[in-house]
Protein backbone atom coordinates (compact mmCIF):
# COMPACT_ATOMS: atom_id res chain seq x y z
CA MET A 1 89.79 92.16 83.82
CA THR A 2 89.14 95.06 86.04
CA ALA A 3 91.41 96.49 88.84
CA TRP A 4 90.99 95.31 92.47
CA HIS A 5 88.72 98.10 94.14
CA ARG A 6 90.55 99.14 97.31
CA PRO A 7 87.91 100.09 99.82
CA PHE A 8 88.15 102.61 102.79
CA LEU A 9 88.81 100.58 105.83
CA PHE A 10 89.17 100.72 109.52
CA LEU A 11 90.85 97.63 111.15
CA ALA A 12 92.67 96.42 114.29
CA LEU A 13 96.29 95.94 113.60
CA LEU A 14 99.19 93.83 114.65
CA PRO A 15 101.92 95.82 116.55
CA CYS A 16 104.32 97.45 114.33
CA ILE A 17 107.12 99.81 114.54
CA LEU A 18 105.81 103.47 113.81
CA HIS A 19 107.71 106.65 113.46
CA ALA A 20 107.13 109.40 116.22
CA GLN A 21 106.02 112.65 114.61
CA GLY A 22 104.41 114.36 117.77
CA PRO A 23 101.87 113.73 120.20
CA ILE A 24 100.16 111.00 118.27
CA ASN A 25 102.75 108.52 116.48
CA ALA A 26 101.65 107.60 113.10
CA VAL A 27 103.21 106.47 109.70
CA VAL A 28 101.70 107.97 106.46
CA GLU A 29 102.37 105.56 103.20
CA THR A 30 101.37 106.24 99.69
CA LYS A 31 100.89 103.50 97.12
CA ARG A 32 100.45 104.33 93.28
CA PHE A 33 98.02 102.49 91.18
CA HIS A 34 96.60 103.47 87.58
CA ASP A 35 93.13 103.58 86.46
CA PRO A 36 93.47 103.43 82.44
CA GLY A 37 91.98 106.66 80.94
CA LYS A 38 91.66 108.47 84.15
CA GLY A 39 94.68 108.86 85.84
CA GLU A 40 96.82 107.69 89.04
CA LEU A 41 94.93 106.30 91.95
CA VAL A 42 96.85 107.14 95.05
CA ASP A 43 96.11 105.20 98.18
CA VAL A 44 97.19 107.15 101.42
CA ASN A 45 97.51 104.72 104.42
CA ILE A 46 97.84 106.18 107.90
CA SER A 47 98.78 103.78 110.73
CA ILE A 48 98.09 105.20 114.08
CA LEU A 49 99.78 103.75 117.29
CA GLY A 50 96.89 103.06 119.78
CA ALA A 51 98.94 103.71 122.76
CA THR A 52 99.61 107.35 121.66
CA VAL A 53 95.94 108.41 121.79
CA LEU A 54 93.24 108.55 124.49
CA TRP A 55 90.54 105.80 124.71
CA ARG A 56 87.03 106.59 126.04
CA SER A 57 84.01 104.91 126.57
CA ASP A 58 81.41 105.44 123.85
CA ASP A 59 77.48 105.35 124.12
CA ARG A 60 77.58 101.62 123.79
CA GLY A 61 80.03 101.26 126.66
CA PHE A 62 82.95 100.13 124.52
CA GLN A 63 86.45 101.80 124.47
CA GLN A 64 87.30 103.73 121.31
CA ALA A 65 89.79 106.18 120.26
CA LYS A 66 89.16 109.01 117.82
CA VAL A 67 91.26 111.04 115.64
CA ASN A 68 90.55 114.32 113.47
CA ALA A 69 92.53 113.76 110.23
CA LEU A 70 93.15 116.30 107.59
CA ILE A 71 94.96 114.93 104.37
CA THR A 72 96.11 117.37 101.85
CA VAL A 73 97.78 116.88 98.37
CA GLU A 74 100.03 119.94 97.36
CA GLN A 75 101.59 120.75 93.89
CA ASN A 76 103.65 123.70 93.61
CA GLY A 77 102.43 125.01 97.04
CA GLU A 78 98.82 125.08 96.21
CA ILE A 79 96.37 122.55 97.52
CA VAL A 80 94.87 120.30 94.63
CA ASP A 81 92.91 117.89 96.83
CA TYR A 82 92.03 117.04 100.50
CA ARG A 83 90.02 114.99 102.82
CA LYS A 84 88.94 116.08 106.40
CA VAL A 85 87.59 112.97 108.32
CA LEU A 86 86.98 111.72 111.83
CA VAL A 87 88.96 108.42 112.14
CA GLU A 88 87.39 106.12 114.79
CA SER A 89 89.19 103.09 116.02
CA PRO A 90 87.40 99.79 116.28
CA GLU A 91 85.48 99.41 119.62
CA ARG A 92 87.10 97.35 122.08
CA ALA A 93 85.38 95.64 125.11
CA ASP A 94 88.89 95.35 127.00
CA THR A 95 91.48 98.10 127.78
CA LEU A 96 94.15 97.17 125.13
CA GLN A 97 95.03 100.05 123.08
CA GLY A 98 95.14 98.58 119.52
CA ASP A 99 96.66 100.13 116.41
CA PHE A 100 94.42 101.11 113.69
CA ILE A 101 94.69 102.24 110.07
CA TYR A 102 92.91 104.60 107.79
CA GLN A 103 92.99 104.75 104.01
CA GLU A 104 92.04 107.54 101.59
CA ARG A 105 92.41 107.53 97.71
CA PHE A 106 92.95 110.35 95.60
CA LEU A 107 92.84 110.45 91.74
CA LEU A 108 95.65 112.49 90.36
CA GLN A 109 97.47 113.45 87.13
CA PRO A 110 101.40 113.00 86.52
CA GLY A 111 103.51 115.39 88.42
CA ASP A 112 105.28 116.04 91.56
CA TYR A 113 103.23 116.44 94.99
CA ALA A 114 103.62 116.58 98.62
CA VAL A 115 101.04 114.70 100.66
CA THR A 116 100.58 115.92 104.19
CA ALA A 117 98.50 114.25 107.29
CA GLU A 118 97.59 116.43 110.19
CA LEU A 119 96.30 114.43 113.13
CA HIS A 120 94.51 115.70 116.37
CA ASP A 121 93.23 113.54 119.10
CA ALA A 122 89.42 114.18 118.98
CA ASN A 123 89.07 112.83 122.60
CA LEU A 124 91.27 115.57 124.07
CA ALA A 125 89.86 119.06 124.21
CA ASP A 126 93.37 120.56 123.53
CA THR A 127 96.02 118.64 121.65
CA ALA A 128 99.01 119.62 119.63
CA GLY A 129 98.79 118.28 116.30
CA THR A 130 100.79 115.63 114.68
CA TYR A 131 102.20 116.38 111.09
CA ALA A 132 103.55 113.88 108.63
CA SER A 133 104.42 114.78 105.21
CA THR A 134 106.03 112.65 102.26
CA PRO A 135 106.67 113.53 98.78
CA LEU A 136 104.85 111.87 95.96
CA VAL A 137 106.23 111.55 92.44
CA ILE A 138 103.69 110.39 89.91
CA PRO A 139 105.40 109.45 86.51
CA ARG A 140 103.62 109.85 83.08
CA ARG A 141 102.80 106.40 81.58
CA ASP A 142 103.26 106.09 77.90
CA GLY A 143 100.96 103.13 77.49
CA GLY A 144 103.84 100.60 77.56
CA LEU A 145 104.49 98.02 80.11
CA SER A 146 104.67 99.07 83.78
CA LEU A 147 103.88 98.17 87.33
CA SER A 148 102.15 99.60 90.11
CA ASP A 149 103.72 100.13 93.73
CA ILE A 150 103.80 96.93 95.80
CA MET A 151 101.40 96.97 98.75
CA PHE A 152 101.82 94.68 101.53
CA THR A 153 98.42 93.07 102.57
CA LEU A 154 97.12 91.30 105.39
CA PRO A 155 96.81 87.44 104.70
CA GLY A 156 93.07 86.86 104.21
CA LYS A 157 90.63 84.59 102.84
CA PRO A 158 89.43 84.51 99.33
CA GLY A 159 86.41 86.75 98.83
CA LYS A 160 87.13 88.82 101.84
CA GLY A 161 89.06 91.57 100.08
CA LEU A 162 92.45 92.72 100.54
CA MET A 163 93.58 94.89 103.41
CA PRO A 164 97.00 96.85 103.71
CA TYR A 165 99.69 95.53 106.03
CA PRO A 166 100.99 98.50 108.14
CA GLY A 167 104.44 99.51 107.46
CA SER A 168 107.40 97.20 106.35
CA TYR A 169 108.43 95.50 109.72
CA PHE A 170 107.57 91.83 109.94
CA PRO A 171 108.21 90.61 113.47
CA LYS A 172 108.66 86.78 114.42
CA GLU A 173 104.89 86.55 115.07
CA VAL A 174 103.94 87.07 111.62
CA ASP A 175 104.48 84.09 109.52
CA LYS A 176 103.08 85.17 106.18
CA LEU A 177 103.81 87.89 103.87
CA ALA A 178 101.09 88.97 101.40
CA ILE A 179 101.29 91.52 98.58
CA TYR A 180 99.15 93.24 95.89
CA ALA A 181 100.28 94.86 92.89
CA GLU A 182 99.05 95.60 89.26
CA ALA A 183 100.47 95.36 85.95
CA TYR A 184 99.65 97.70 82.96
CA GLY A 185 100.35 97.80 79.20
CA THR A 186 100.59 94.07 79.00
CA GLN A 187 98.35 93.91 75.76
CA ALA A 188 100.59 96.31 74.05
CA GLN A 189 103.53 94.15 75.00
CA PHE A 190 102.14 90.54 74.63
CA GLY A 191 98.97 91.04 72.64
CA LYS A 192 95.29 90.35 73.83
CA ASP A 193 95.26 87.12 76.19
CA GLY A 194 99.19 86.90 75.58
CA GLY A 195 100.98 84.94 78.09
CA PHE A 196 103.82 86.35 80.63
CA LEU A 197 105.46 85.53 83.70
CA ALA A 198 105.22 87.46 87.11
CA VAL A 199 108.26 86.49 89.31
CA THR A 200 108.08 87.52 93.04
CA GLN A 201 111.31 87.05 95.12
CA VAL A 202 112.71 87.77 98.39
CA GLU A 203 116.20 89.43 97.99
CA ASN A 204 118.85 90.14 100.65
CA TYR A 205 119.02 94.04 100.74
CA GLU A 206 122.95 94.04 101.04
CA SER A 207 123.89 91.39 98.46
CA GLY A 208 120.97 91.57 96.00
CA GLU A 209 120.97 87.72 95.88
CA VAL A 210 117.49 85.65 96.29
CA ALA A 211 117.07 84.71 99.80
CA GLY A 212 116.84 80.77 100.10
CA ASN A 213 114.01 79.39 97.96
CA PHE A 214 111.72 82.51 98.53
CA ARG A 215 110.78 82.93 94.80
CA HIS A 216 107.62 82.34 93.16
CA VAL A 217 106.73 82.43 89.42
CA GLN A 218 103.10 83.13 88.22
CA ARG A 219 101.89 82.51 84.66
CA LEU A 220 99.44 85.25 83.69
CA LYS A 221 97.42 86.51 80.71
CA ALA A 222 97.58 90.21 79.37
CA ASP A 223 94.59 92.37 80.10
CA THR A 224 93.85 96.03 80.71
CA VAL A 225 94.87 95.68 84.29
CA VAL A 226 96.35 92.55 85.65
CA PRO A 227 96.13 92.17 89.34
CA ILE A 228 99.14 90.25 90.99
CA ALA A 229 98.40 88.83 94.48
CA LEU A 230 100.62 86.43 96.27
CA GLU A 231 100.94 85.04 99.75
CA MET A 232 104.11 83.23 100.89
CA GLY A 233 105.13 81.67 104.32
CA ILE A 234 108.09 83.64 105.78
CA GLY A 235 108.36 81.55 108.99
CA ARG A 236 111.76 80.26 108.10
CA LEU A 237 112.92 83.77 106.62
CA PRO A 238 115.83 84.73 109.03
CA SER A 239 115.99 88.27 110.55
CA GLY A 240 117.53 90.86 108.13
CA ASN A 241 116.83 93.51 105.61
CA TYR A 242 115.10 92.47 102.47
CA LEU A 243 113.74 93.54 98.98
CA LEU A 244 110.59 92.25 97.80
CA ALA A 245 111.07 92.18 94.08
CA LEU A 246 108.30 92.06 91.45
CA GLU A 247 109.39 91.40 87.88
CA ILE A 248 107.57 90.97 84.76
CA HIS A 249 109.27 88.38 82.16
CA ASP A 250 108.26 87.26 78.76
CA ARG A 251 108.00 83.48 77.86
CA ASN A 252 111.67 83.45 77.22
CA ASP A 253 112.20 84.64 80.76
CA SER A 254 113.68 87.73 79.83
CA LEU A 255 113.30 90.44 82.36
CA LEU A 256 111.21 93.51 81.14
CA GLN A 257 109.95 95.25 84.19
CA ARG A 258 110.81 95.30 87.96
CA ARG A 259 109.71 96.88 91.13
CA THR A 260 110.86 96.41 94.63
CA GLN A 261 109.83 97.23 98.20
CA PHE A 262 111.98 97.11 101.18
CA PHE A 263 110.93 95.22 104.37
CA GLN A 264 112.76 94.02 107.47
CA ARG A 265 112.41 90.87 109.16
CA ASN A 266 112.82 90.15 112.90
CA ASN A 267 113.08 86.24 113.12
CA PRO A 268 116.35 85.36 114.62
CA VAL A 269 117.55 81.89 115.48
CA THR A 270 118.50 82.94 118.88
CA TYR A 271 120.60 81.02 121.41
CA ASP A 272 123.38 81.73 123.99
CA PRO A 273 126.38 79.56 122.83
CA ASN A 274 127.26 79.19 126.46
CA LYS A 275 123.81 77.67 127.28
CA VAL A 276 123.17 75.51 124.25
CA LEU A 277 123.75 71.84 125.18
CA PRO A 278 125.78 69.70 122.63
CA GLY A 279 123.58 68.37 119.96
CA GLU A 280 120.58 70.62 120.81
CA LEU A 281 120.30 71.87 117.28
CA GLY A 282 120.14 68.46 115.94
CA PRO A 283 122.31 66.38 113.67
CA ASN A 284 123.73 68.71 110.94
CA PHE A 285 126.57 69.01 108.54
CA THR A 286 128.94 70.63 110.97
CA ASP A 287 129.15 67.19 113.03
CA ALA A 288 131.78 66.14 110.62
CA PHE A 289 134.12 68.74 112.00
CA THR A 290 135.83 67.90 115.38
CA ASN A 291 139.14 69.65 115.21
CA ALA A 292 139.10 73.01 116.97
CA ASP A 293 141.81 74.54 114.58
CA THR A 294 139.92 73.44 111.50
CA LEU A 295 136.62 75.07 112.89
CA ALA A 296 138.44 78.13 113.92
CA ASP A 297 139.77 78.58 110.32
CA PHE A 298 136.38 77.98 109.03
CA LEU A 299 134.79 80.55 111.12
CA ALA A 300 137.25 83.02 110.39
CA SER A 301 136.79 82.53 106.79
CA MET A 302 132.95 83.60 107.06
CA ARG A 303 133.88 86.95 108.70
CA PRO A 304 133.91 88.75 105.33
CA ILE A 305 130.17 88.10 105.00
CA ALA A 306 129.09 88.21 108.54
CA ASP A 307 127.40 91.07 110.36
CA GLU A 308 128.56 92.71 113.60
CA LEU A 309 126.90 90.19 116.05
CA GLU A 310 128.17 87.07 114.15
CA ARG A 311 131.57 88.69 113.89
CA LYS A 312 131.83 88.72 117.69
CA LEU A 313 130.64 85.27 118.13
CA ILE A 314 133.11 84.11 115.60
CA ASP A 315 135.86 86.13 117.36
CA ASP A 316 134.83 84.83 120.70
CA GLN A 317 134.93 81.21 119.67
CA GLY A 318 138.20 81.70 117.81
CA LYS A 319 139.75 82.54 121.51
CA GLU A 320 137.82 79.94 123.48
CA ARG A 321 138.08 76.98 121.01
CA ARG A 322 135.13 74.86 122.14
CA PRO A 323 134.22 72.54 119.07
CA ASP A 324 130.74 71.97 120.33
CA VAL A 325 129.86 75.74 120.45
CA MET A 326 131.90 76.48 117.36
CA ARG A 327 129.86 74.03 115.46
CA GLN A 328 126.70 75.65 116.70
CA VAL A 329 127.70 79.12 115.47
CA MET A 330 128.68 77.74 112.30
CA TYR A 331 125.54 75.85 111.49
CA THR A 332 123.40 78.90 112.76
CA PHE A 333 125.30 81.15 110.58
CA TRP A 334 124.63 79.07 107.28
CA TYR A 335 120.89 78.24 108.55
CA ASN A 336 120.10 81.89 108.72
CA ARG A 337 121.20 82.29 104.98
CA ASN A 338 119.71 79.28 103.51
CA PRO A 339 117.09 77.42 105.88
CA ASP A 340 116.43 74.97 103.25
CA ASP A 341 120.07 73.80 102.55
CA PRO A 342 122.61 75.40 105.11
CA LYS A 343 125.25 72.82 104.02
CA GLY A 344 124.89 73.66 100.28
CA ALA A 345 125.35 77.28 101.26
CA TRP A 346 128.45 76.68 103.21
CA THR A 347 129.86 74.26 100.30
CA GLN A 348 129.38 76.89 97.81
CA TYR A 349 131.07 79.36 99.92
CA LYS A 350 133.85 77.19 100.79
CA LYS A 351 134.88 76.93 97.01
CA ALA A 352 135.20 80.59 96.92
CA VAL A 353 137.30 80.70 100.13
CA ASP A 354 139.55 77.90 98.53
CA TYR A 355 139.94 80.07 95.46
CA VAL A 356 140.88 83.29 97.36
CA ASN A 357 143.32 81.34 99.55
CA ARG A 358 145.14 80.25 96.22
CA LYS A 359 144.80 83.63 94.63
CA PHE A 360 145.35 86.19 97.41
CA GLY A 361 147.29 84.43 100.11
CA CYS A 362 150.47 86.30 101.02
CA ARG A 363 153.37 86.14 103.59
CA ASN A 364 151.74 83.87 106.35
CA MET A 365 148.25 85.21 105.77
CA PRO A 366 145.56 83.06 104.31
CA GLY A 367 143.79 84.68 101.26
CA TYR A 368 140.67 85.29 103.16
CA GLN A 369 142.28 87.67 105.54
CA SER A 370 143.66 89.68 102.67
CA ASP A 371 142.12 92.86 101.68
CA GLN A 372 141.43 91.53 98.11
CA GLY A 373 140.30 88.13 99.59
CA TYR A 374 137.89 89.85 101.89
CA ILE A 375 136.45 92.09 98.92
CA TYR A 376 136.31 89.09 96.58
CA LEU A 377 134.27 86.95 99.19
CA ARG A 378 132.06 89.88 100.06
CA TYR A 379 131.15 91.31 96.66
CA GLY A 380 132.25 88.51 94.27
CA ALA A 381 134.48 88.56 91.34
CA PRO A 382 135.14 92.13 89.87
CA ASN A 383 134.01 92.77 86.29
CA THR A 384 137.13 94.61 85.07
CA VAL A 385 140.58 94.85 86.68
CA VAL A 386 143.27 97.47 85.80
CA ASN A 387 146.47 96.02 86.94
CA ARG A 388 149.52 98.39 87.04
CA ALA A 389 151.84 96.23 89.20
CA ASN A 390 154.86 96.91 87.06
CA GLU A 391 154.36 100.39 85.70
CA THR A 392 157.22 103.11 86.38
CA GLY A 393 156.71 106.24 87.89
CA VAL A 394 153.93 105.23 90.32
CA VAL A 395 153.27 102.97 93.31
CA PRO A 396 151.90 99.64 92.05
CA TYR A 397 148.19 99.82 92.21
CA MET A 398 145.31 97.80 91.00
CA ILE A 399 141.64 98.99 90.37
CA TRP A 400 138.62 96.44 90.72
CA HIS A 401 135.45 97.74 89.15
CA TYR A 402 131.91 96.14 89.71
CA TYR A 403 129.05 96.48 87.58
CA ARG A 404 127.16 95.78 90.69
CA ALA A 405 128.29 95.16 94.30
CA GLY A 406 125.64 94.25 96.64
CA ARG A 407 122.75 96.79 96.09
CA TYR A 408 125.13 99.27 94.46
CA SER A 409 126.09 99.84 90.92
CA ASP A 410 129.35 101.10 89.27
CA ARG A 411 131.60 100.64 92.24
CA ARG A 412 135.57 100.68 92.52
CA PHE A 413 138.23 99.31 94.92
CA VAL A 414 141.55 100.71 94.70
CA PHE A 415 144.63 98.52 96.00
CA TYR A 416 148.23 99.31 96.12
CA GLN A 417 151.43 97.92 97.21
CA PRO A 418 153.18 100.53 99.52
CA GLU A 419 156.10 97.72 99.85
CA ARG A 420 157.41 96.46 96.58
CA SER A 421 158.99 93.58 98.48
CA THR A 422 155.72 92.03 99.29
CA THR A 423 153.11 90.42 97.30
CA CYS A 424 150.23 91.62 99.36
CA TRP A 425 148.08 94.06 98.17
CA THR A 426 146.22 96.92 100.48
CA LEU A 427 143.01 98.29 100.09
CA LEU A 428 143.54 102.10 99.51
CA THR A 429 140.15 103.47 98.81
CA SER A 430 136.67 102.60 97.64
CA ASP A 431 133.38 104.40 96.78
CA MET A 432 131.42 101.63 98.29
CA PRO A 433 129.58 102.96 101.39
CA GLY A 434 130.84 101.23 104.44
CA GLU A 435 134.31 100.50 103.11
CA LEU A 436 137.56 102.51 103.56
CA ASN A 437 137.50 105.97 101.67
CA ASN A 438 140.47 107.79 101.53
CA SER A 439 140.41 111.37 99.70
CA ARG A 440 144.09 111.46 99.34
CA TRP A 441 144.49 108.16 97.61
CA LEU A 442 145.83 109.57 94.31
CA ASP A 443 148.66 111.18 96.26
CA GLN A 444 149.70 107.92 97.66
CA ILE A 445 149.99 106.28 94.04
CA VAL A 446 151.44 109.26 92.33
CA TYR A 447 154.25 111.41 93.95
CA GLY A 448 157.70 112.68 93.50
CA THR A 449 157.80 112.16 89.69
CA ALA A 450 158.69 114.64 86.87
CA ASP A 451 155.63 113.81 85.03
CA GLY A 452 153.47 113.53 87.82
CA GLY A 453 150.68 115.48 86.26
CA ALA A 454 150.43 113.26 83.40
CA LYS A 455 150.76 110.26 85.59
CA ARG A 456 147.73 111.51 87.84
CA GLU A 457 145.68 111.96 84.74
CA GLU A 458 146.34 108.47 83.52
CA VAL A 459 145.39 107.02 86.96
CA LEU A 460 142.27 108.96 87.18
CA ASP A 461 141.35 107.88 83.55
CA ASN A 462 141.89 104.27 84.77
CA TYR A 463 139.69 104.83 87.75
CA ASN A 464 136.90 106.65 85.98
CA ASN A 465 137.03 104.51 82.91
CA PRO A 466 138.12 100.94 83.95
CA ARG A 467 138.53 98.59 81.20
């Protein structure tokens, strides 16, 4: 099977968020594909915001925008290839200024490059140029199993060809997500016509978990180039940041290759808690909860995994104590995480809350409000724990180490007991972005001891080499 041929194209686009680079707003995107025996095919997609260029009547009486584009590829400060073109938008009979995209392709060899696009409005006699530059790294392929970049495409009909979707922002109006990628080296890995699996899934960017049921498995056969095209409905995918992950698995479902592409979804379940009528969201699992204190406890236990807006809603309802609105907040929270089974998502989380309440509760504080309970609920159970609760010469401390925490690998959380009389552990520092980071944490664990130097080395060794 041969690779899909990606044509040059000009097309009207749905509105999307573009980056302002100058007088013309544009986004420059590169996608790397492989042409076996020749080199790397690099598509350069330039999305132009129609509202930032001048539209004039052409000879046929239609409105049209024109942009002079110069695309250069440089390596070590020298131009190795370039394209100089006049980009013409689709003709329009109305006054709407639609966005449009231009695509060029370059055949390059492995190495480090810089791709630069210089844009000038051709309908203006004198215009400042817009410059956009992006680095491009082309790795050397060894003939083994590998994947191309993932390209978002506009959903289309079979036989009509695939066209790039501009950018990585999917507003509420877009209810389908389509992708195109290619797999190489499958014959060397699986044998001629050998079978393998292509797994495509949507993952939460922060947690790395699969979002709901957004997972699709394709059974494919090995070839020189194996195209992988997929279209999935995202009408029920809540707002958030996501990764579109493409994985190659063998027949035993072992992961062999993986590539991801970031995207952002804007599709909130929007409502004003003060305006929603009781029962407006329909019958759901929260109807079983009628006690305001119970609902307040449930909502508070959800704070460790809530975003800022959700935390505000939770805090507000914890004060107002309106059971009908509290149920609406709770249901929407879990619907946004698993539209297909919000009750199941809550039930699973509630098991973790019950565990941290038993394990990490202290004084009159429920476990989910403790620092350890918060970290456990947000990132899961640590892979290793260094527990120095009874060691002499240091303040009691504990180090939780995660092989993976959210989208980050190899992360640590240090807890300590500044007051030995309590069972509460306080978070002292972490190398996890967004969490408490204390550059003097070691001084607060080791101080005023005769063998302080040796103790510091011991604590640092436990931190750097948890076991």
